[in-house]
PDB file of N, CA and C in Angstrom:
ATOM      1  N   MET A   1       0.853  -1.153  -0.026  1.00  0.00           N
ATOM      2  CA  MET A   1       0.002  -0.007  -0.014  1.00  0.00           C
ATOM      3  C   MET A   1       0.901   1.246   0.006  1.00  0.00           C
ATOM      4  N   GLN A   2       0.532   2.233  -0.774  1.00  0.00           N
ATOM      5  CA  GLN A   2       1.282   3.478  -0.856  1.00  0.00           C
ATOM      6  C   GLN A   2       0.817   4.387   0.199  1.00  0.00           C
ATOM      7  N   PRO A   3       1.660   5.372   0.575  1.00  0.00           N
ATOM      8  CA  PRO A   3       1.278   6.316   1.602  1.00  0.00           C
ATOM      9  C   PRO A   3       0.085   7.143   1.116  1.00  0.00           C
ATOM     10  N   ALA A   4      -0.726   7.590   2.034  1.00  0.00           N
ATOM     11  CA  ALA A   4      -1.897   8.376   1.681  1.00  0.00           C
ATOM     12  C   ALA A   4      -1.487   9.735   1.166  1.00  0.00           C
ATOM     13  N   GLU A   5      -2.219  10.227   0.253  1.00  0.00           N
ATOM     14  CA  GLU A   5      -2.006  11.551  -0.295  1.00  0.00           C
ATOM     15  C   GLU A   5      -2.986  12.503   0.341  1.00  0.00           C
ATOM     16  N   GLY A   6      -2.537  13.434   1.090  1.00  0.00           N
ATOM     17  CA  GLY A   6      -3.457  14.397   1.776  1.00  0.00           C
ATOM     18  C   GLY A   6      -4.154  13.709   2.908  1.00  0.00           C
ATOM     19  N   PRO A   7      -5.310  14.293   3.328  1.00  0.00           N
ATOM     20  CA  PRO A   7      -6.016  13.753   4.479  1.00  0.00           C
ATOM     21  C   PRO A   7      -6.792  12.460   4.241  1.00  0.00           C
ATOM     22  N   GLU A   8      -6.945  12.093   2.954  1.00  0.00           N
ATOM     23  CA  GLU A   8      -7.701  10.884   2.653  1.00  0.00           C
ATOM     24  C   GLU A   8      -6.808   9.646   2.799  1.00  0.00           C
ATOM     25  N   GLU A   9      -7.353   8.602   3.277  1.00  0.00           N
ATOM     26  CA  GLU A   9      -6.577   7.348   3.435  1.00  0.00           C
ATOM     27  C   GLU A   9      -6.843   6.460   2.226  1.00  0.00           C
ATOM     28  N   LYS A  10      -5.735   5.909   1.677  1.00  0.00           N
ATOM     29  CA  LYS A  10      -5.899   5.015   0.518  1.00  0.00           C
ATOM     30  C   LYS A  10      -6.493   3.674   0.993  1.00  0.00           C
ATOM     31  N   ARG A  11      -7.343   3.106   0.173  1.00  0.00           N
ATOM     32  CA  ARG A  11      -7.941   1.800   0.482  1.00  0.00           C
ATOM     33  C   ARG A  11      -7.040   0.733  -0.106  1.00  0.00           C
ATOM     34  N   PRO A  12      -6.970  -0.468   0.569  1.00  0.00           N
ATOM     35  CA  PRO A  12      -6.127  -1.527  -0.032  1.00  0.00           C
ATOM     36  C   PRO A  12      -6.732  -2.004  -1.321  1.00  0.00           C
ATOM     37  N   ASP A  13      -5.902  -2.549  -2.224  1.00  0.00           N
ATOM     38  CA  ASP A  13      -6.332  -3.078  -3.490  1.00  0.00           C
ATOM     39  C   ASP A  13      -7.071  -4.376  -3.266  1.00  0.00           C
ATOM     40  N   VAL A  14      -8.393  -4.279  -3.147  1.00  0.00           N
ATOM     41  CA  VAL A  14      -9.177  -5.454  -2.884  1.00  0.00           C
ATOM     42  C   VAL A  14     -10.229  -5.591  -3.989  1.00  0.00           C
ATOM     43  N   GLY A  15     -10.315  -6.810  -4.529  1.00  0.00           N
ATOM     44  CA  GLY A  15     -11.279  -7.067  -5.595  1.00  0.00           C
ATOM     45  C   GLY A  15     -12.639  -7.281  -5.110  1.00  0.00           C
ATOM     46  N   LEU A  16     -13.518  -7.835  -5.966  1.00  0.00           N
ATOM     47  CA  LEU A  16     -14.914  -8.071  -5.670  1.00  0.00           C
ATOM     48  C   LEU A  16     -15.106  -9.025  -4.500  1.00  0.00           C
ATOM     49  N   HIS A  17     -14.316 -10.051  -4.430  1.00  0.00           N
ATOM     50  CA  HIS A  17     -14.474 -11.078  -3.386  1.00  0.00           C
ATOM     51  C   HIS A  17     -13.167 -11.335  -2.651  1.00  0.00           C
ATOM     52  N   GLY A  18     -12.313 -10.348  -2.583  1.00  0.00           N
ATOM     53  CA  GLY A  18     -11.026 -10.481  -1.849  1.00  0.00           C
ATOM     54  C   GLY A  18      -9.908  -9.946  -2.740  1.00  0.00           C
ATOM     55  N   PRO A  19      -8.710 -10.079  -2.242  1.00  0.00           N
ATOM     56  CA  PRO A  19      -7.552  -9.573  -2.987  1.00  0.00           C
ATOM     57  C   PRO A  19      -7.428 -10.220  -4.381  1.00  0.00           C
ATOM     58  N   ARG A  20      -7.281  -9.379  -5.402  1.00  0.00           N
ATOM     59  CA  ARG A  20      -7.018  -9.821  -6.756  1.00  0.00           C
ATOM     60  C   ARG A  20      -8.034 -10.719  -7.374  1.00  0.00           C
ATOM     61  N   SER A  21      -9.311 -10.724  -6.933  1.00  0.00           N
ATOM     62  CA  SER A  21     -10.309 -11.530  -7.594  1.00  0.00           C
ATOM     63  C   SER A  21     -10.747 -10.837  -8.880  1.00  0.00           C
ATOM     64  N   ARG A  22     -11.294 -11.562  -9.787  1.00  0.00           N
ATOM     65  CA  ARG A  22     -11.728 -11.040 -11.044  1.00  0.00           C
ATOM     66  C   ARG A  22     -13.113 -11.520 -11.376  1.00  0.00           C
ATOM     67  N   MET A  23     -13.864 -10.737 -12.122  1.00  0.00           N
ATOM     68  CA  MET A  23     -15.202 -11.114 -12.563  1.00  0.00           C
ATOM     69  C   MET A  23     -15.396 -10.484 -13.941  1.00  0.00           C
ATOM     70  N   LYS A  24     -15.981 -11.202 -14.831  1.00  0.00           N
ATOM     71  CA  LYS A  24     -16.275 -10.640 -16.151  1.00  0.00           C
ATOM     72  C   LYS A  24     -17.366  -9.550 -16.055  1.00  0.00           C
ATOM     73  N   LEU A  25     -17.199  -8.505 -16.838  1.00  0.00           N
ATOM     74  CA  LEU A  25     -18.201  -7.479 -16.884  1.00  0.00           C
ATOM     75  C   LEU A  25     -19.589  -7.956 -17.172  1.00  0.00           C
ATOM     76  N   SER A  26     -19.684  -8.888 -18.096  1.00  0.00           N
ATOM     77  CA  SER A  26     -20.994  -9.444 -18.477  1.00  0.00           C
ATOM     78  C   SER A  26     -21.669 -10.122 -17.283  1.00  0.00           C
ATOM     79  N   ALA A  27     -20.952 -10.729 -16.408  1.00  0.00           N
ATOM     80  CA  ALA A  27     -21.504 -11.356 -15.164  1.00  0.00           C
ATOM     81  C   ALA A  27     -22.005 -10.312 -14.241  1.00  0.00           C
ATOM     82  N   ILE A  28     -21.316  -9.167 -14.165  1.00  0.00           N
ATOM     83  CA  ILE A  28     -21.751  -8.124 -13.230  1.00  0.00           C
ATOM     84  C   ILE A  28     -23.075  -7.526 -13.719  1.00  0.00           C
ATOM     85  N   ILE A  29     -23.235  -7.232 -15.036  1.00  0.00           N
ATOM     86  CA  ILE A  29     -24.400  -6.531 -15.494  1.00  0.00           C
ATOM     87  C   ILE A  29     -25.549  -7.499 -15.908  1.00  0.00           C
ATOM     88  N   GLN A  30     -25.311  -8.790 -15.892  1.00  0.00           N
ATOM     89  CA  GLN A  30     -26.342  -9.769 -16.287  1.00  0.00           C
ATOM     90  C   GLN A  30     -27.626  -9.481 -15.456  1.00  0.00           C
ATOM     91  N   GLY A  31     -28.747  -9.416 -16.168  1.00  0.00           N
ATOM     92  CA  GLY A  31     -30.044  -9.270 -15.530  1.00  0.00           C
ATOM     93  C   GLY A  31     -30.339  -7.830 -15.076  1.00  0.00           C
ATOM     94  N   THR A  32     -29.463  -6.861 -15.378  1.00  0.00           N
ATOM     95  CA  THR A  32     -29.713  -5.470 -14.969  1.00  0.00           C
ATOM     96  C   THR A  32     -30.512  -4.691 -16.019  1.00  0.00           C
ATOM     97  N   GLY A  33     -30.548  -5.211 -17.213  1.00  0.00           N
ATOM     98  CA  GLY A  33     -31.166  -4.447 -18.292  1.00  0.00           C
ATOM     99  C   GLY A  33     -30.215  -3.423 -18.919  1.00  0.00           C
ATOM    100  N   ALA A  34     -28.972  -3.405 -18.438  1.00  0.00           N
ATOM    101  CA  ALA A  34     -27.984  -2.451 -18.997  1.00  0.00           C
ATOM    102  C   ALA A  34     -27.715  -2.794 -20.409  1.00  0.00           C
ATOM    103  N   ARG A  35     -27.332  -1.793 -21.197  1.00  0.00           N
ATOM    104  CA  ARG A  35     -26.984  -2.042 -22.573  1.00  0.00           C
ATOM    105  C   ARG A  35     -25.765  -1.279 -22.934  1.00  0.00           C
ATOM    106  N   GLY A  36     -25.096  -1.697 -23.985  1.00  0.00           N
ATOM    107  CA  GLY A  36     -23.880  -1.064 -24.467  1.00  0.00           C
ATOM    108  C   GLY A  36     -22.893  -2.091 -24.899  1.00  0.00           C
ATOM    109  N   ASP A  37     -21.834  -1.621 -25.515  1.00  0.00           N
ATOM    110  CA  ASP A  37     -20.804  -2.515 -25.996  1.00  0.00           C
ATOM    111  C   ASP A  37     -19.879  -2.921 -24.867  1.00  0.00           C
ATOM    112  N   LEU A  38     -19.683  -4.243 -24.684  1.00  0.00           N
ATOM    113  CA  LEU A  38     -18.840  -4.732 -23.628  1.00  0.00           C
ATOM    114  C   LEU A  38     -17.330  -4.689 -24.005  1.00  0.00           C
ATOM    115  N   GLY A  39     -17.051  -4.374 -25.246  1.00  0.00           N
ATOM    116  CA  GLY A  39     -15.645  -4.232 -25.675  1.00  0.00           C
ATOM    117  C   GLY A  39     -14.839  -5.503 -25.406  1.00  0.00           C
ATOM    118  N   GLY A  40     -15.348  -6.648 -25.655  1.00  0.00           N
ATOM    119  CA  GLY A  40     -14.580  -7.870 -25.442  1.00  0.00           C
ATOM    120  C   GLY A  40     -14.801  -8.475 -24.082  1.00  0.00           C
ATOM    121  N   ASP A  41     -15.713  -7.989 -23.335  1.00  0.00           N
ATOM    122  CA  ASP A  41     -16.097  -8.540 -22.052  1.00  0.00           C
ATOM    123  C   ASP A  41     -14.870  -8.542 -21.099  1.00  0.00           C
ATOM    124  N   PRO A  42     -14.411  -7.392 -20.683  1.00  0.00           N
ATOM    125  CA  PRO A  42     -13.201  -7.314 -19.889  1.00  0.00           C
ATOM    126  C   PRO A  42     -13.378  -7.867 -18.474  1.00  0.00           C
ATOM    127  N   ASP A  43     -12.252  -8.209 -17.840  1.00  0.00           N
ATOM    128  CA  ASP A  43     -12.257  -8.576 -16.421  1.00  0.00           C
ATOM    129  C   ASP A  43     -12.390  -7.323 -15.580  1.00  0.00           C
ATOM    130  N   VAL A  44     -13.134  -7.388 -14.515  1.00  0.00           N
ATOM    131  CA  VAL A  44     -13.287  -6.310 -13.550  1.00  0.00           C
ATOM    132  C   VAL A  44     -12.603  -6.812 -12.224  1.00  0.00           C
ATOM    133  N   VAL A  45     -11.659  -5.989 -11.771  1.00  0.00           N
ATOM    134  CA  VAL A  45     -10.935  -6.390 -10.539  1.00  0.00           C
ATOM    135  C   VAL A  45     -11.231  -5.432  -9.369  1.00  0.00           C
ATOM    136  N   ARG A  46     -11.917  -4.354  -9.683  1.00  0.00           N
ATOM    137  CA  ARG A  46     -12.272  -3.363  -8.683  1.00  0.00           C
ATOM    138  C   ARG A  46     -13.492  -2.534  -9.098  1.00  0.00           C
ATOM    139  N   VAL A  47     -14.281  -2.174  -8.131  1.00  0.00           N
ATOM    140  CA  VAL A  47     -15.456  -1.334  -8.371  1.00  0.00           C
ATOM    141  C   VAL A  47     -15.339  -0.100  -7.493  1.00  0.00           C
ATOM    142  N   THR A  48     -15.528   1.109  -8.060  1.00  0.00           N
ATOM    143  CA  THR A  48     -15.410   2.279  -7.282  1.00  0.00           C
ATOM    144  C   THR A  48     -16.373   3.394  -7.778  1.00  0.00           C
ATOM    145  N   GLY A  49     -16.683   4.274  -6.930  1.00  0.00           N
ATOM    146  CA  GLY A  49     -17.473   5.471  -7.298  1.00  0.00           C
ATOM    147  C   GLY A  49     -16.601   6.735  -7.236  1.00  0.00           C
ATOM    148  N   ASP A  50     -15.300   6.551  -7.020  1.00  0.00           N
ATOM    149  CA  ASP A  50     -14.380   7.638  -6.918  1.00  0.00           C
ATOM    150  C   ASP A  50     -13.378   7.586  -8.090  1.00  0.00           C
ATOM    151  N   SER A  51     -13.529   8.522  -9.008  1.00  0.00           N
ATOM    152  CA  SER A  51     -12.719   8.511 -10.244  1.00  0.00           C
ATOM    153  C   SER A  51     -11.254   8.591  -9.948  1.00  0.00           C
ATOM    154  N   ARG A  52     -10.858   9.097  -8.853  1.00  0.00           N
ATOM    155  CA  ARG A  52      -9.406   9.150  -8.498  1.00  0.00           C
ATOM    156  C   ARG A  52      -8.854   7.750  -8.176  1.00  0.00           C
ATOM    157  N   GLU A  53      -9.725   6.791  -7.917  1.00  0.00           N
ATOM    158  CA  GLU A  53      -9.304   5.429  -7.610  1.00  0.00           C
ATOM    159  C   GLU A  53      -9.363   4.536  -8.889  1.00  0.00           C
ATOM    160  N   ALA A  54      -9.842   5.075  -9.953  1.00  0.00           N
ATOM    161  CA  ALA A  54      -9.946   4.288 -11.226  1.00  0.00           C
ATOM    162  C   ALA A  54      -8.618   3.959 -11.710  1.00  0.00           C
ATOM    163  N   ALA A  55      -8.461   2.727 -12.243  1.00  0.00           N
ATOM    164  CA  ALA A  55      -7.228   2.206 -12.795  1.00  0.00           C
ATOM    165  C   ALA A  55      -7.600   1.091 -13.734  1.00  0.00           C
ATOM    166  N   PRO A  56      -6.672   0.571 -14.525  1.00  0.00           N
ATOM    167  CA  PRO A  56      -6.994  -0.560 -15.378  1.00  0.00           C
ATOM    168  C   PRO A  56      -7.705  -1.661 -14.599  1.00  0.00           C
ATOM    169  N   GLY A  57      -8.850  -2.175 -15.158  1.00  0.00           N
ATOM    170  CA  GLY A  57      -9.598  -3.206 -14.506  1.00  0.00           C
ATOM    171  C   GLY A  57     -10.707  -2.709 -13.575  1.00  0.00           C
ATOM    172  N   THR A  58     -10.886  -1.387 -13.473  1.00  0.00           N
ATOM    173  CA  THR A  58     -11.870  -0.780 -12.581  1.00  0.00           C
ATOM    174  C   THR A  58     -13.223  -0.621 -13.284  1.00  0.00           C
ATOM    175  N   LEU A  59     -14.275  -0.875 -12.600  1.00  0.00           N
ATOM    176  CA  LEU A  59     -15.622  -0.518 -13.029  1.00  0.00           C
ATOM    177  C   LEU A  59     -16.011   0.725 -12.224  1.00  0.00           C
ATOM    178  N   PHE A  60     -16.241   1.823 -12.917  1.00  0.00           N
ATOM    179  CA  PHE A  60     -16.561   3.095 -12.283  1.00  0.00           C
ATOM    180  C   PHE A  60     -18.145   3.281 -12.256  1.00  0.00           C
ATOM    181  N   CYS A  61     -18.649   3.516 -11.063  1.00  0.00           N
ATOM    182  CA  CYS A  61     -20.092   3.783 -10.894  1.00  0.00           C
ATOM    183  C   CYS A  61     -20.300   5.287 -10.791  1.00  0.00           C
ATOM    184  N   ALA A  62     -20.912   5.851 -11.824  1.00  0.00           N
ATOM    185  CA  ALA A  62     -21.130   7.322 -11.850  1.00  0.00           C
ATOM    186  C   ALA A  62     -22.482   7.573 -11.143  1.00  0.00           C
ATOM    187  N   LEU A  63     -22.383   7.964  -9.862  1.00  0.00           N
ATOM    188  CA  LEU A  63     -23.551   8.162  -9.050  1.00  0.00           C
ATOM    189  C   LEU A  63     -23.729   9.629  -8.676  1.00  0.00           C
ATOM    190  N   PRO A  64     -25.006  10.093  -8.625  1.00  0.00           N
ATOM    191  CA  PRO A  64     -25.163  11.436  -8.147  1.00  0.00           C
ATOM    192  C   PRO A  64     -24.926  11.504  -6.622  1.00  0.00           C
ATOM    193  N   GLY A  65     -24.236  12.533  -6.204  1.00  0.00           N
ATOM    194  CA  GLY A  65     -23.947  12.668  -4.778  1.00  0.00           C
ATOM    195  C   GLY A  65     -24.465  14.000  -4.245  1.00  0.00           C
ATOM    196  N   VAL A  66     -24.228  14.214  -2.965  1.00  0.00           N
ATOM    197  CA  VAL A  66     -24.665  15.444  -2.340  1.00  0.00           C
ATOM    198  C   VAL A  66     -23.899  16.651  -2.857  1.00  0.00           C
ATOM    199  N   ALA A  67     -22.551  16.480  -2.926  1.00  0.00           N
ATOM    200  CA  ALA A  67     -21.713  17.579  -3.345  1.00  0.00           C
ATOM    201  C   ALA A  67     -21.343  17.541  -4.837  1.00  0.00           C
ATOM    202  N   HIS A  68     -21.188  16.344  -5.364  1.00  0.00           N
ATOM    203  CA  HIS A  68     -20.748  16.214  -6.752  1.00  0.00           C
ATOM    204  C   HIS A  68     -21.541  15.099  -7.443  1.00  0.00           C
ATOM    205  N   ASP A  69     -21.661  15.200  -8.785  1.00  0.00           N
ATOM    206  CA  ASP A  69     -22.350  14.232  -9.562  1.00  0.00           C
ATOM    207  C   ASP A  69     -21.292  13.391 -10.268  1.00  0.00           C
ATOM    208  N   GLY A  70     -21.284  12.108  -9.985  1.00  0.00           N
ATOM    209  CA  GLY A  70     -20.247  11.205 -10.554  1.00  0.00           C
ATOM    210  C   GLY A  70     -20.207  11.202 -12.069  1.00  0.00           C
ATOM    211  N   HIS A  71     -21.357  11.510 -12.712  1.00  0.00           N
ATOM    212  CA  HIS A  71     -21.361  11.552 -14.182  1.00  0.00           C
ATOM    213  C   HIS A  71     -20.314  12.520 -14.712  1.00  0.00           C
ATOM    214  N   ALA A  72     -20.045  13.576 -13.951  1.00  0.00           N
ATOM    215  CA  ALA A  72     -19.027  14.610 -14.429  1.00  0.00           C
ATOM    216  C   ALA A  72     -17.624  14.035 -14.374  1.00  0.00           C
ATOM    217  N   PHE A  73     -17.430  12.894 -13.715  1.00  0.00           N
ATOM    218  CA  PHE A  73     -16.091  12.332 -13.586  1.00  0.00           C
ATOM    219  C   PHE A  73     -15.914  11.036 -14.416  1.00  0.00           C
ATOM    220  N   ALA A  74     -16.910  10.634 -15.206  1.00  0.00           N
ATOM    221  CA  ALA A  74     -16.820   9.417 -15.980  1.00  0.00           C
ATOM    222  C   ALA A  74     -15.631   9.478 -16.990  1.00  0.00           C
ATOM    223  N   ALA A  75     -15.461  10.564 -17.669  1.00  0.00           N
ATOM    224  CA  ALA A  75     -14.382  10.642 -18.625  1.00  0.00           C
ATOM    225  C   ALA A  75     -12.999  10.499 -17.933  1.00  0.00           C
ATOM    226  N   GLU A  76     -12.857  11.095 -16.755  1.00  0.00           N
ATOM    227  CA  GLU A  76     -11.648  11.000 -16.032  1.00  0.00           C
ATOM    228  C   GLU A  76     -11.364   9.555 -15.586  1.00  0.00           C
ATOM    229  N   ALA A  77     -12.391   8.847 -15.187  1.00  0.00           N
ATOM    230  CA  ALA A  77     -12.260   7.423 -14.793  1.00  0.00           C
ATOM    231  C   ALA A  77     -11.764   6.609 -16.032  1.00  0.00           C
ATOM    232  N   ALA A  78     -12.386   6.896 -17.194  1.00  0.00           N
ATOM    233  CA  ALA A  78     -11.936   6.207 -18.388  1.00  0.00           C
ATOM    234  C   ALA A  78     -10.506   6.512 -18.768  1.00  0.00           C
ATOM    235  N   ARG A  79     -10.081   7.789 -18.615  1.00  0.00           N
ATOM    236  CA  ARG A  79      -8.668   8.154 -18.873  1.00  0.00           C
ATOM    237  C   ARG A  79      -7.731   7.399 -17.928  1.00  0.00           C
ATOM    238  N   ARG A  80      -8.197   7.110 -16.745  1.00  0.00           N
ATOM    239  CA  ARG A  80      -7.304   6.410 -15.763  1.00  0.00           C
ATOM    240  C   ARG A  80      -7.363   4.916 -15.976  1.00  0.00           C
ATOM    241  N   GLY A  81      -8.183   4.413 -16.929  1.00  0.00           N
ATOM    242  CA  GLY A  81      -8.095   3.025 -17.280  1.00  0.00           C
ATOM    243  C   GLY A  81      -9.346   2.219 -16.935  1.00  0.00           C
ATOM    244  N   ALA A  82     -10.419   2.834 -16.409  1.00  0.00           N
ATOM    245  CA  ALA A  82     -11.642   2.090 -16.121  1.00  0.00           C
ATOM    246  C   ALA A  82     -12.116   1.312 -17.322  1.00  0.00           C
ATOM    247  N   VAL A  83     -12.524   0.067 -17.135  1.00  0.00           N
ATOM    248  CA  VAL A  83     -12.927  -0.775 -18.258  1.00  0.00           C
ATOM    249  C   VAL A  83     -14.402  -0.492 -18.630  1.00  0.00           C
ATOM    250  N   ALA A  84     -15.180   0.098 -17.738  1.00  0.00           N
ATOM    251  CA  ALA A  84     -16.557   0.394 -18.015  1.00  0.00           C
ATOM    252  C   ALA A  84     -17.056   1.410 -16.998  1.00  0.00           C
ATOM    253  N   VAL A  85     -18.171   2.103 -17.351  1.00  0.00           N
ATOM    254  CA  VAL A  85     -18.832   3.081 -16.462  1.00  0.00           C
ATOM    255  C   VAL A  85     -20.297   2.649 -16.422  1.00  0.00           C
ATOM    256  N   ILE A  86     -20.771   2.567 -15.165  1.00  0.00           N
ATOM    257  CA  ILE A  86     -22.232   2.377 -14.933  1.00  0.00           C
ATOM    258  C   ILE A  86     -22.765   3.803 -14.643  1.00  0.00           C
ATOM    259  N   ALA A  87     -23.783   4.192 -15.449  1.00  0.00           N
ATOM    260  CA  ALA A  87     -24.352   5.509 -15.315  1.00  0.00           C
ATOM    261  C   ALA A  87     -25.847   5.471 -15.544  1.00  0.00           C
ATOM    262  N   GLU A  88     -26.537   6.473 -15.019  1.00  0.00           N
ATOM    263  CA  GLU A  88     -27.999   6.590 -15.205  1.00  0.00           C
ATOM    264  C   GLU A  88     -28.310   7.224 -16.533  1.00  0.00           C
ATOM    265  N   ARG A  89     -27.408   8.017 -17.015  1.00  0.00           N
ATOM    266  CA  ARG A  89     -27.654   8.722 -18.293  1.00  0.00           C
ATOM    267  C   ARG A  89     -26.492   8.668 -19.198  1.00  0.00           C
TER     268      ARG A  89
END
């Protein structure tokens, strides 16, 4: 684990079911009614709603919040390597 940057504490790199677990994107969205191109059905190793934590293998959830709307950070998450974005719009 790297030292925390600023007052926020970094979370350990933990996958969906423990360290370094993987799940196919299609398995995560199965039955949700979600649509879109899976781009080869990538492996997801992490799920986050914080674009600053996005990295290769991350599924970014763009959620509206009290102070910020996650939809505004979807492009940033993609630039950081997120394999997909879950969004309402």
